[in-house]
N, C-alpha and C. Protein backbone atom coordinates (compact mmCIF):
# COMPACT_ATOMS: atom_id res chain seq x y z
N UNK A 1 17.29 16.68 -9.26
CA UNK A 1 16.52 16.30 -8.14
C UNK A 1 17.28 16.41 -6.87
N UNK A 2 16.60 16.93 -5.86
CA UNK A 2 17.35 17.19 -4.60
C UNK A 2 16.96 15.98 -3.58
N UNK A 3 17.92 15.31 -3.00
CA UNK A 3 17.74 14.21 -2.09
C UNK A 3 18.10 14.60 -0.71
N UNK A 4 17.14 14.44 0.26
CA UNK A 4 17.45 14.66 1.61
C UNK A 4 18.02 13.53 2.29
N UNK A 5 18.97 13.69 3.14
CA UNK A 5 19.51 12.63 3.84
C UNK A 5 20.55 11.82 3.04
N UNK A 6 21.15 10.82 3.65
CA UNK A 6 22.12 9.97 2.94
C UNK A 6 21.39 8.97 2.05
N UNK A 7 22.05 8.60 0.92
CA UNK A 7 21.53 7.52 0.14
C UNK A 7 21.85 6.20 0.76
N UNK A 8 21.02 5.26 0.61
CA UNK A 8 21.18 3.94 1.33
C UNK A 8 20.94 2.87 0.30
N UNK A 9 21.55 1.68 0.59
CA UNK A 9 21.19 0.48 -0.16
C UNK A 9 19.92 -0.04 0.19
N UNK A 10 19.21 -0.73 -0.62
CA UNK A 10 17.91 -1.39 -0.32
C UNK A 10 18.09 -2.40 0.72
N UNK A 11 19.28 -3.05 0.80
CA UNK A 11 19.50 -4.11 1.77
C UNK A 11 19.49 -3.56 3.19
N UNK A 12 19.74 -2.25 3.36
CA UNK A 12 19.68 -1.63 4.70
C UNK A 12 18.33 -1.61 5.24
N UNK A 13 17.30 -1.62 4.36
CA UNK A 13 15.98 -1.55 4.89
C UNK A 13 15.43 -2.80 5.52
N UNK A 14 16.11 -3.93 5.35
CA UNK A 14 15.68 -5.16 5.92
C UNK A 14 15.49 -5.12 7.36
N UNK A 15 16.25 -4.37 8.08
CA UNK A 15 16.14 -4.27 9.51
C UNK A 15 14.84 -3.73 9.92
N UNK A 16 14.19 -2.88 9.16
CA UNK A 16 12.89 -2.33 9.44
C UNK A 16 11.86 -3.40 9.49
N UNK A 17 11.72 -4.16 8.41
CA UNK A 17 10.60 -5.11 8.21
C UNK A 17 10.77 -6.33 9.14
N UNK A 18 11.99 -6.76 9.56
CA UNK A 18 12.14 -7.92 10.36
C UNK A 18 11.79 -7.63 11.82
N UNK A 19 11.87 -6.48 12.27
CA UNK A 19 11.62 -6.24 13.69
C UNK A 19 10.18 -5.97 14.07
N UNK A 20 9.33 -5.92 13.11
CA UNK A 20 7.97 -5.58 13.28
C UNK A 20 7.04 -6.76 13.38
N UNK A 21 6.24 -6.91 14.43
CA UNK A 21 5.31 -7.98 14.46
C UNK A 21 4.06 -7.58 13.56
N UNK A 22 3.68 -8.56 12.81
CA UNK A 22 2.59 -8.32 11.85
C UNK A 22 1.31 -8.85 12.44
N UNK A 23 0.30 -8.05 12.45
CA UNK A 23 -1.08 -8.49 12.84
C UNK A 23 -1.75 -9.13 11.67
N UNK A 24 -1.99 -10.32 11.64
CA UNK A 24 -2.61 -11.08 10.62
C UNK A 24 -4.01 -10.44 10.25
N UNK A 25 -4.69 -10.05 11.16
CA UNK A 25 -6.02 -9.51 10.91
C UNK A 25 -6.11 -8.13 10.22
N UNK A 26 -4.87 -7.52 10.21
CA UNK A 26 -4.85 -6.12 9.59
C UNK A 26 -4.86 -6.14 8.11
N UNK A 27 -4.73 -7.29 7.57
CA UNK A 27 -4.64 -7.33 6.00
C UNK A 27 -5.91 -8.14 5.54
N UNK A 28 -6.68 -7.50 4.78
CA UNK A 28 -7.85 -8.18 4.25
C UNK A 28 -7.54 -9.10 3.07
N UNK A 29 -8.15 -10.25 3.14
CA UNK A 29 -7.85 -11.26 2.07
C UNK A 29 -9.24 -11.65 1.45
N UNK A 30 -9.21 -11.77 0.14
CA UNK A 30 -10.42 -12.21 -0.60
C UNK A 30 -10.12 -13.50 -1.21
N UNK A 31 -10.97 -14.46 -1.09
CA UNK A 31 -10.83 -15.74 -1.77
C UNK A 31 -12.00 -15.89 -2.71
N UNK A 32 -11.75 -16.18 -4.00
CA UNK A 32 -12.82 -16.41 -5.00
C UNK A 32 -12.72 -17.88 -5.40
N UNK A 33 -13.74 -18.59 -5.02
CA UNK A 33 -13.80 -19.99 -5.33
C UNK A 33 -15.21 -20.46 -5.26
N UNK A 34 -15.73 -21.06 -6.40
CA UNK A 34 -17.05 -21.56 -6.47
C UNK A 34 -17.40 -22.59 -5.54
N UNK A 35 -16.49 -23.35 -5.03
CA UNK A 35 -16.70 -24.39 -4.07
C UNK A 35 -16.36 -23.99 -2.64
N UNK A 36 -16.01 -22.76 -2.42
CA UNK A 36 -15.68 -22.35 -1.09
C UNK A 36 -14.24 -22.72 -0.80
N UNK A 37 -13.71 -22.24 0.34
CA UNK A 37 -12.34 -22.56 0.75
C UNK A 37 -12.36 -23.58 1.78
N UNK A 38 -11.83 -24.73 1.60
CA UNK A 38 -11.87 -25.82 2.63
C UNK A 38 -11.39 -25.50 3.98
N UNK A 39 -10.38 -24.69 3.99
CA UNK A 39 -9.80 -24.34 5.40
C UNK A 39 -10.21 -22.98 5.85
N UNK A 40 -11.27 -22.47 5.32
CA UNK A 40 -11.71 -21.13 5.76
C UNK A 40 -11.77 -20.87 7.31
N UNK A 41 -12.45 -21.84 8.04
CA UNK A 41 -12.53 -21.66 9.43
C UNK A 41 -11.18 -21.83 10.12
N UNK A 42 -10.42 -22.67 9.72
CA UNK A 42 -9.04 -22.79 10.31
C UNK A 42 -8.18 -21.54 10.06
N UNK A 43 -8.33 -21.04 8.90
CA UNK A 43 -7.65 -19.80 8.56
C UNK A 43 -8.15 -18.72 9.40
N UNK A 44 -9.47 -18.58 9.67
CA UNK A 44 -10.02 -17.53 10.51
C UNK A 44 -9.53 -17.74 12.00
N UNK A 45 -9.42 -19.00 12.40
CA UNK A 45 -9.03 -19.30 13.71
C UNK A 45 -7.58 -18.93 13.93
N UNK A 46 -6.84 -18.78 12.91
CA UNK A 46 -5.44 -18.27 12.99
C UNK A 46 -5.36 -16.78 12.91
N UNK A 47 -6.54 -16.13 13.03
CA UNK A 47 -6.66 -14.67 13.03
C UNK A 47 -6.38 -13.94 11.76
N UNK A 48 -6.64 -14.60 10.58
CA UNK A 48 -6.55 -14.02 9.26
C UNK A 48 -7.86 -13.43 9.07
N UNK A 49 -7.85 -12.30 8.38
CA UNK A 49 -9.13 -11.54 8.01
C UNK A 49 -9.45 -11.97 6.52
N UNK A 50 -10.23 -12.96 6.43
CA UNK A 50 -10.61 -13.54 5.04
C UNK A 50 -12.13 -13.53 4.79
N UNK A 51 -12.39 -13.29 3.52
CA UNK A 51 -13.73 -13.26 2.99
C UNK A 51 -13.74 -14.17 1.76
N UNK A 52 -14.75 -15.09 1.78
CA UNK A 52 -14.81 -16.05 0.65
C UNK A 52 -16.02 -15.75 -0.18
N UNK A 53 -15.91 -15.57 -1.56
CA UNK A 53 -16.96 -15.28 -2.46
C UNK A 53 -16.99 -16.40 -3.49
N UNK A 54 -18.22 -16.85 -3.92
CA UNK A 54 -18.25 -17.90 -4.90
C UNK A 54 -17.83 -17.43 -6.27
N UNK A 55 -17.99 -16.13 -6.61
CA UNK A 55 -17.54 -15.58 -7.78
C UNK A 55 -17.68 -14.05 -7.72
N UNK A 56 -17.10 -13.39 -8.72
CA UNK A 56 -17.26 -11.91 -8.79
C UNK A 56 -17.85 -11.62 -10.11
N UNK A 57 -18.50 -10.45 -10.17
CA UNK A 57 -19.17 -10.05 -11.47
C UNK A 57 -18.36 -8.85 -12.03
N UNK A 58 -17.57 -8.27 -11.29
CA UNK A 58 -16.90 -6.96 -11.65
C UNK A 58 -15.49 -6.99 -11.03
N UNK A 59 -14.47 -6.59 -11.70
CA UNK A 59 -13.08 -6.62 -11.14
C UNK A 59 -12.94 -5.71 -9.98
N UNK A 60 -13.79 -4.71 -9.89
CA UNK A 60 -13.85 -3.72 -8.76
C UNK A 60 -14.06 -4.44 -7.45
N UNK A 61 -14.64 -5.56 -7.52
CA UNK A 61 -14.97 -6.32 -6.28
C UNK A 61 -13.69 -6.68 -5.37
N UNK A 62 -12.53 -6.69 -6.10
CA UNK A 62 -11.32 -7.03 -5.32
C UNK A 62 -10.55 -5.72 -4.87
N UNK A 63 -11.05 -4.58 -5.11
CA UNK A 63 -10.37 -3.30 -4.90
C UNK A 63 -9.98 -3.08 -3.51
N UNK A 64 -10.70 -3.62 -2.50
CA UNK A 64 -10.46 -3.33 -1.10
C UNK A 64 -9.55 -4.37 -0.45
N UNK A 65 -9.11 -5.30 -1.23
CA UNK A 65 -8.37 -6.44 -0.68
C UNK A 65 -6.89 -6.46 -1.19
N UNK A 66 -5.91 -6.31 -0.32
CA UNK A 66 -4.55 -6.34 -0.77
C UNK A 66 -4.08 -7.75 -1.29
N UNK A 67 -4.74 -8.78 -0.74
CA UNK A 67 -4.49 -10.19 -1.18
C UNK A 67 -5.76 -10.83 -1.69
N UNK A 68 -5.49 -11.48 -2.85
CA UNK A 68 -6.61 -12.17 -3.52
C UNK A 68 -6.17 -13.57 -3.81
N UNK A 69 -7.00 -14.53 -3.33
CA UNK A 69 -6.85 -15.94 -3.66
C UNK A 69 -7.91 -16.21 -4.69
N UNK A 70 -7.43 -16.86 -5.79
CA UNK A 70 -8.37 -17.02 -6.91
C UNK A 70 -8.25 -18.50 -7.44
N UNK A 71 -9.34 -19.18 -7.45
CA UNK A 71 -9.43 -20.54 -8.09
C UNK A 71 -9.38 -20.23 -9.62
N UNK A 72 -9.01 -21.40 -10.36
CA UNK A 72 -8.92 -21.17 -11.77
C UNK A 72 -10.19 -21.69 -12.53
N UNK A 73 -10.79 -22.72 -11.95
CA UNK A 73 -11.97 -23.36 -12.63
C UNK A 73 -13.21 -22.95 -11.95
N UNK A 74 -14.25 -22.60 -12.69
CA UNK A 74 -15.59 -22.39 -12.05
C UNK A 74 -15.85 -20.95 -11.60
N UNK A 75 -14.89 -20.07 -11.79
CA UNK A 75 -15.11 -18.60 -11.42
C UNK A 75 -14.93 -17.66 -12.58
N UNK A 76 -15.41 -16.44 -12.57
CA UNK A 76 -15.25 -15.54 -13.50
C UNK A 76 -16.17 -15.71 -14.76
N UNK A 77 -17.25 -16.39 -14.49
CA UNK A 77 -18.22 -16.71 -15.62
C UNK A 77 -18.77 -15.40 -16.22
N UNK A 78 -18.96 -14.36 -15.48
CA UNK A 78 -19.55 -13.12 -16.02
C UNK A 78 -18.55 -12.44 -16.94
N UNK A 79 -17.31 -12.81 -16.90
CA UNK A 79 -16.27 -12.20 -17.78
C UNK A 79 -16.23 -12.76 -19.15
N UNK A 80 -16.88 -13.97 -19.34
CA UNK A 80 -17.00 -14.57 -20.62
C UNK A 80 -15.73 -15.15 -21.23
N UNK A 81 -14.76 -15.38 -20.43
CA UNK A 81 -13.47 -15.94 -20.88
C UNK A 81 -13.47 -17.46 -20.66
N UNK A 82 -12.86 -18.22 -21.60
CA UNK A 82 -12.72 -19.58 -21.41
C UNK A 82 -11.70 -19.95 -20.34
N UNK A 83 -10.85 -18.93 -19.95
CA UNK A 83 -9.82 -19.15 -18.98
C UNK A 83 -10.34 -18.90 -17.58
N UNK A 84 -11.51 -18.51 -17.38
CA UNK A 84 -12.24 -18.36 -16.10
C UNK A 84 -11.38 -17.60 -15.11
N UNK A 85 -10.93 -18.29 -14.02
CA UNK A 85 -10.13 -17.70 -12.98
C UNK A 85 -8.83 -17.12 -13.44
N UNK A 86 -8.23 -17.75 -14.55
CA UNK A 86 -7.05 -17.21 -15.12
C UNK A 86 -7.28 -15.80 -15.66
N UNK A 87 -8.40 -15.65 -16.27
CA UNK A 87 -8.73 -14.30 -16.69
C UNK A 87 -8.91 -13.23 -15.58
N UNK A 88 -9.46 -13.72 -14.48
CA UNK A 88 -9.59 -12.84 -13.29
C UNK A 88 -8.28 -12.48 -12.78
N UNK A 89 -7.33 -13.40 -12.74
CA UNK A 89 -5.98 -13.03 -12.28
C UNK A 89 -5.34 -12.03 -13.26
N UNK A 90 -5.47 -12.19 -14.55
CA UNK A 90 -4.95 -11.28 -15.50
C UNK A 90 -5.54 -9.85 -15.30
N UNK A 91 -6.85 -9.83 -15.05
CA UNK A 91 -7.51 -8.52 -14.86
C UNK A 91 -7.07 -7.87 -13.57
N UNK A 92 -6.92 -8.65 -12.56
CA UNK A 92 -6.42 -8.11 -11.26
C UNK A 92 -5.08 -7.47 -11.49
N UNK A 93 -4.17 -8.22 -12.13
CA UNK A 93 -2.80 -7.66 -12.39
C UNK A 93 -2.81 -6.43 -13.25
N UNK A 94 -3.74 -6.37 -14.22
CA UNK A 94 -3.77 -5.19 -15.11
C UNK A 94 -4.40 -4.02 -14.40
N UNK A 95 -5.41 -4.21 -13.64
CA UNK A 95 -5.99 -3.08 -12.91
C UNK A 95 -5.40 -2.74 -11.51
N UNK A 96 -4.89 -3.70 -10.87
CA UNK A 96 -4.33 -3.50 -9.56
C UNK A 96 -2.98 -4.24 -9.41
N UNK A 97 -1.95 -3.74 -10.08
CA UNK A 97 -0.68 -4.45 -10.06
C UNK A 97 -0.09 -4.64 -8.67
N UNK A 98 -0.51 -3.83 -7.69
CA UNK A 98 0.12 -3.90 -6.35
C UNK A 98 -0.41 -5.05 -5.51
N UNK A 99 -1.49 -5.60 -5.94
CA UNK A 99 -2.16 -6.74 -5.21
C UNK A 99 -1.31 -8.04 -5.25
N UNK A 100 -1.33 -8.69 -4.13
CA UNK A 100 -0.69 -10.04 -4.22
C UNK A 100 -1.72 -11.13 -4.53
N UNK A 101 -1.47 -11.87 -5.49
CA UNK A 101 -2.50 -12.81 -6.03
C UNK A 101 -1.89 -14.27 -5.81
N UNK A 102 -2.85 -15.07 -5.32
CA UNK A 102 -2.55 -16.56 -5.10
C UNK A 102 -3.55 -17.28 -6.00
N UNK A 103 -2.89 -17.97 -6.97
CA UNK A 103 -3.66 -18.88 -7.83
C UNK A 103 -3.74 -20.22 -7.22
N UNK A 104 -4.87 -20.87 -7.14
CA UNK A 104 -4.95 -22.19 -6.62
C UNK A 104 -5.98 -23.03 -7.33
N UNK A 105 -5.73 -24.31 -7.48
CA UNK A 105 -6.64 -25.12 -8.28
C UNK A 105 -6.46 -26.62 -7.77
N UNK A 106 -7.51 -27.34 -8.13
CA UNK A 106 -7.42 -28.84 -7.88
C UNK A 106 -7.27 -29.60 -9.13
N UNK A 107 -7.02 -28.89 -10.26
CA UNK A 107 -6.99 -29.53 -11.56
C UNK A 107 -5.66 -29.22 -12.26
N UNK A 108 -5.44 -30.02 -13.29
CA UNK A 108 -4.29 -29.76 -14.15
C UNK A 108 -4.81 -29.02 -15.47
N UNK A 109 -3.99 -28.12 -15.97
CA UNK A 109 -4.38 -27.35 -17.19
C UNK A 109 -3.34 -27.55 -18.22
N UNK A 110 -3.71 -27.26 -19.45
CA UNK A 110 -2.85 -27.32 -20.57
C UNK A 110 -1.90 -25.97 -20.54
N UNK A 111 -0.94 -25.99 -21.33
CA UNK A 111 0.11 -25.01 -21.39
C UNK A 111 -0.47 -23.64 -21.64
N UNK A 112 -1.61 -23.46 -22.22
CA UNK A 112 -2.16 -22.10 -22.46
C UNK A 112 -2.43 -21.36 -21.12
N UNK A 113 -2.55 -22.09 -19.98
CA UNK A 113 -2.76 -21.48 -18.69
C UNK A 113 -1.55 -21.02 -18.02
N UNK A 114 -0.36 -21.45 -18.50
CA UNK A 114 0.97 -21.01 -17.91
C UNK A 114 1.02 -19.47 -17.69
N UNK A 115 0.55 -18.79 -18.68
CA UNK A 115 0.56 -17.32 -18.55
C UNK A 115 -0.02 -16.77 -17.37
N UNK A 116 -1.22 -17.35 -17.00
CA UNK A 116 -2.01 -16.94 -15.84
C UNK A 116 -1.32 -17.31 -14.52
N UNK A 117 -0.74 -18.52 -14.49
CA UNK A 117 -0.11 -18.96 -13.31
C UNK A 117 1.20 -18.14 -13.06
N UNK A 118 1.84 -17.67 -14.11
CA UNK A 118 3.00 -16.83 -14.01
C UNK A 118 2.74 -15.36 -13.53
N UNK A 119 1.48 -14.98 -13.80
CA UNK A 119 1.06 -13.70 -13.29
C UNK A 119 0.82 -13.64 -11.80
N UNK A 120 0.43 -14.81 -11.21
CA UNK A 120 0.19 -14.97 -9.80
C UNK A 120 1.56 -14.89 -9.05
N UNK A 121 1.48 -14.32 -7.88
CA UNK A 121 2.60 -14.24 -6.92
C UNK A 121 2.97 -15.52 -6.39
N UNK A 122 1.90 -16.36 -6.16
CA UNK A 122 2.07 -17.64 -5.52
C UNK A 122 1.09 -18.63 -6.18
N UNK A 123 1.34 -19.84 -6.16
CA UNK A 123 0.44 -20.87 -6.74
C UNK A 123 0.40 -22.03 -5.76
N UNK A 124 -0.83 -22.52 -5.58
CA UNK A 124 -1.07 -23.64 -4.66
C UNK A 124 -2.05 -24.62 -5.35
N UNK A 125 -1.87 -25.92 -4.90
CA UNK A 125 -2.92 -26.91 -5.30
C UNK A 125 -3.87 -27.00 -4.21
N UNK A 126 -5.07 -27.48 -4.44
CA UNK A 126 -6.15 -27.53 -3.43
C UNK A 126 -5.90 -28.64 -2.46
N UNK A 127 -4.98 -29.52 -2.74
CA UNK A 127 -4.73 -30.64 -1.83
C UNK A 127 -3.78 -30.39 -0.76
N UNK A 128 -3.23 -29.14 -0.63
CA UNK A 128 -2.31 -28.78 0.50
C UNK A 128 -3.10 -28.75 1.74
N UNK A 129 -2.28 -28.81 2.85
CA UNK A 129 -2.94 -28.85 4.13
C UNK A 129 -3.03 -27.43 4.75
N UNK A 130 -3.75 -27.38 5.93
CA UNK A 130 -3.92 -26.08 6.49
C UNK A 130 -2.67 -25.37 7.00
N UNK A 131 -1.64 -26.20 7.35
CA UNK A 131 -0.36 -25.59 7.82
C UNK A 131 0.28 -24.89 6.58
N UNK A 132 0.18 -25.48 5.44
CA UNK A 132 0.73 -24.81 4.20
C UNK A 132 0.06 -23.51 3.92
N UNK A 133 -1.34 -23.50 4.12
CA UNK A 133 -2.05 -22.27 3.90
C UNK A 133 -1.63 -21.16 4.94
N UNK A 134 -1.50 -21.55 6.13
CA UNK A 134 -1.05 -20.62 7.24
C UNK A 134 0.30 -20.00 6.89
N UNK A 135 1.27 -20.81 6.47
CA UNK A 135 2.58 -20.34 6.22
C UNK A 135 2.59 -19.51 4.93
N UNK A 136 1.89 -19.85 3.87
CA UNK A 136 1.72 -19.09 2.75
C UNK A 136 1.10 -17.68 2.98
N UNK A 137 -0.01 -17.68 3.77
CA UNK A 137 -0.66 -16.40 4.07
C UNK A 137 0.20 -15.47 4.93
N UNK A 138 0.99 -16.05 5.87
CA UNK A 138 1.99 -15.27 6.62
C UNK A 138 3.10 -14.65 5.64
N UNK A 139 3.56 -15.38 4.68
CA UNK A 139 4.49 -14.89 3.71
C UNK A 139 3.87 -13.79 2.86
N UNK A 140 2.60 -14.00 2.50
CA UNK A 140 1.85 -13.09 1.67
C UNK A 140 1.70 -11.71 2.38
N UNK A 141 1.30 -11.84 3.67
CA UNK A 141 1.03 -10.59 4.47
C UNK A 141 2.38 -9.85 4.65
N UNK A 142 3.45 -10.61 4.84
CA UNK A 142 4.80 -9.95 4.99
C UNK A 142 5.10 -9.23 3.69
N UNK A 143 4.76 -9.76 2.57
CA UNK A 143 4.99 -9.10 1.23
C UNK A 143 4.12 -7.84 1.12
N UNK A 144 2.96 -7.85 1.70
CA UNK A 144 2.10 -6.71 1.58
C UNK A 144 2.51 -5.59 2.53
N UNK A 145 2.93 -5.85 3.73
CA UNK A 145 3.24 -4.80 4.75
C UNK A 145 4.72 -4.41 4.79
N UNK A 146 5.55 -5.19 4.31
CA UNK A 146 6.97 -4.86 4.33
C UNK A 146 7.39 -3.73 3.36
N UNK A 147 8.07 -2.63 3.87
CA UNK A 147 8.39 -1.62 2.98
C UNK A 147 9.46 -2.08 1.83
N UNK A 148 10.19 -2.98 2.35
CA UNK A 148 11.30 -3.56 1.41
C UNK A 148 10.57 -4.36 0.29
N UNK A 149 9.69 -5.20 0.67
CA UNK A 149 8.91 -6.01 -0.33
C UNK A 149 8.10 -5.13 -1.20
N UNK A 150 7.45 -4.15 -0.61
CA UNK A 150 6.59 -3.16 -1.46
C UNK A 150 7.56 -2.55 -2.48
N UNK A 151 8.68 -2.09 -2.09
CA UNK A 151 9.56 -1.47 -3.01
C UNK A 151 10.03 -2.42 -4.10
N UNK A 152 10.42 -3.60 -3.78
CA UNK A 152 10.88 -4.60 -4.75
C UNK A 152 9.78 -4.86 -5.77
N UNK A 153 8.52 -4.98 -5.34
CA UNK A 153 7.44 -5.18 -6.28
C UNK A 153 7.25 -4.02 -7.20
N UNK A 154 7.33 -2.78 -6.54
CA UNK A 154 7.21 -1.55 -7.39
C UNK A 154 8.31 -1.47 -8.36
N UNK A 155 9.60 -1.70 -7.99
CA UNK A 155 10.73 -1.67 -8.76
C UNK A 155 10.55 -2.61 -9.96
N UNK A 156 10.16 -3.83 -9.76
CA UNK A 156 9.96 -4.83 -10.89
C UNK A 156 8.86 -4.28 -11.80
N UNK A 157 7.83 -3.68 -11.28
CA UNK A 157 6.70 -3.17 -11.98
C UNK A 157 7.27 -2.06 -12.96
N UNK A 158 8.02 -1.10 -12.36
CA UNK A 158 8.57 -0.02 -13.16
C UNK A 158 9.47 -0.51 -14.24
N UNK A 159 10.35 -1.42 -13.98
CA UNK A 159 11.26 -1.94 -14.97
C UNK A 159 10.48 -2.70 -16.05
N UNK A 160 9.43 -3.44 -15.68
CA UNK A 160 8.59 -4.14 -16.65
C UNK A 160 7.95 -3.08 -17.62
N UNK A 161 7.62 -1.92 -17.03
CA UNK A 161 6.94 -0.85 -17.88
C UNK A 161 7.97 -0.07 -18.57
N UNK A 162 9.20 -0.42 -18.50
CA UNK A 162 10.34 0.21 -19.22
C UNK A 162 10.63 1.63 -18.80
N UNK A 163 10.49 1.81 -17.51
CA UNK A 163 10.89 3.15 -16.90
C UNK A 163 12.44 3.04 -16.86
N UNK A 164 13.12 4.16 -17.26
CA UNK A 164 14.59 4.13 -17.29
C UNK A 164 15.16 3.73 -15.97
N UNK A 165 16.16 2.90 -16.11
CA UNK A 165 16.91 2.37 -14.87
C UNK A 165 17.41 3.48 -14.00
N UNK A 166 17.86 4.56 -14.61
CA UNK A 166 18.40 5.72 -13.87
C UNK A 166 17.24 6.34 -12.86
N UNK A 167 16.09 6.39 -13.49
CA UNK A 167 14.98 7.01 -12.67
C UNK A 167 14.60 5.97 -11.56
N UNK A 168 14.58 4.70 -11.85
CA UNK A 168 14.34 3.68 -10.80
C UNK A 168 15.40 3.73 -9.72
N UNK A 169 16.67 3.81 -10.05
CA UNK A 169 17.68 3.99 -9.11
C UNK A 169 17.52 5.16 -8.25
N UNK A 170 17.22 6.31 -8.84
CA UNK A 170 17.04 7.57 -8.03
C UNK A 170 15.90 7.41 -7.08
N UNK A 171 14.81 6.76 -7.52
CA UNK A 171 13.66 6.54 -6.65
C UNK A 171 14.06 5.68 -5.44
N UNK A 172 14.83 4.59 -5.76
CA UNK A 172 15.34 3.71 -4.73
C UNK A 172 16.16 4.48 -3.71
N UNK A 173 17.06 5.31 -4.20
CA UNK A 173 17.90 6.01 -3.22
C UNK A 173 17.01 6.96 -2.42
N UNK A 174 16.06 7.59 -3.05
CA UNK A 174 15.20 8.50 -2.34
C UNK A 174 14.44 7.77 -1.23
N UNK A 175 13.89 6.66 -1.57
CA UNK A 175 13.10 5.80 -0.64
C UNK A 175 13.97 5.35 0.55
N UNK A 176 15.19 4.93 0.14
CA UNK A 176 16.19 4.52 1.21
C UNK A 176 16.43 5.63 2.18
N UNK A 177 16.67 6.84 1.66
CA UNK A 177 17.01 7.98 2.48
C UNK A 177 15.83 8.42 3.37
N UNK A 178 14.62 8.13 2.90
CA UNK A 178 13.52 8.48 3.81
C UNK A 178 13.21 7.54 4.85
N UNK A 179 13.61 6.28 4.66
CA UNK A 179 13.19 5.25 5.60
C UNK A 179 14.28 4.84 6.57
N UNK A 180 15.51 5.19 6.41
CA UNK A 180 16.55 4.85 7.29
C UNK A 180 17.03 6.14 7.92
N UNK A 181 17.01 6.18 9.22
CA UNK A 181 17.53 7.38 9.97
C UNK A 181 19.06 7.52 9.72
N UNK A 182 19.53 8.76 9.71
CA UNK A 182 20.94 9.06 9.51
C UNK A 182 21.88 8.44 10.53
N UNK A 183 21.37 8.02 11.59
CA UNK A 183 22.27 7.38 12.67
C UNK A 183 22.68 6.02 12.34
N UNK A 184 22.16 5.35 11.32
CA UNK A 184 22.50 4.05 11.06
C UNK A 184 23.78 4.01 10.18
């Protein structure tokens, strides 16, 4: 493999993502909750681009949204799983592993649901305030638009899929070389 430019450490990419102002409205967010999202209007007033659906019938409904917020109880009925929203989260991660998923619920669940909560990138309870939502959505959008965060997620995905570490390393070096000018 031929690599253009110097190889760089992933840590050198941090300067790129931290200097950029992120437009909250540039990232579409989908919320799936049969009861609606309590802070939907407040979130919109903070300039987030959010759409709230009571449920989805097909996993393709999430395809246009880099961020998906999913309730656990009362959604996903068309999928026929007793795990409801947990099943939706699993399907999203299987079909669209690049998406950032936030699981949230107002209930407690038995240990069989732990698998679904661990698949989510973030987990919230429904009793959090609007400030917590705004903070979490800012972190989520950063994760979506930051080249460093995108690579970290891709690297973890490749390693989980048992891609040889040598190939992952070469990809990391190639990405670093493309993203950092030689003058640094």
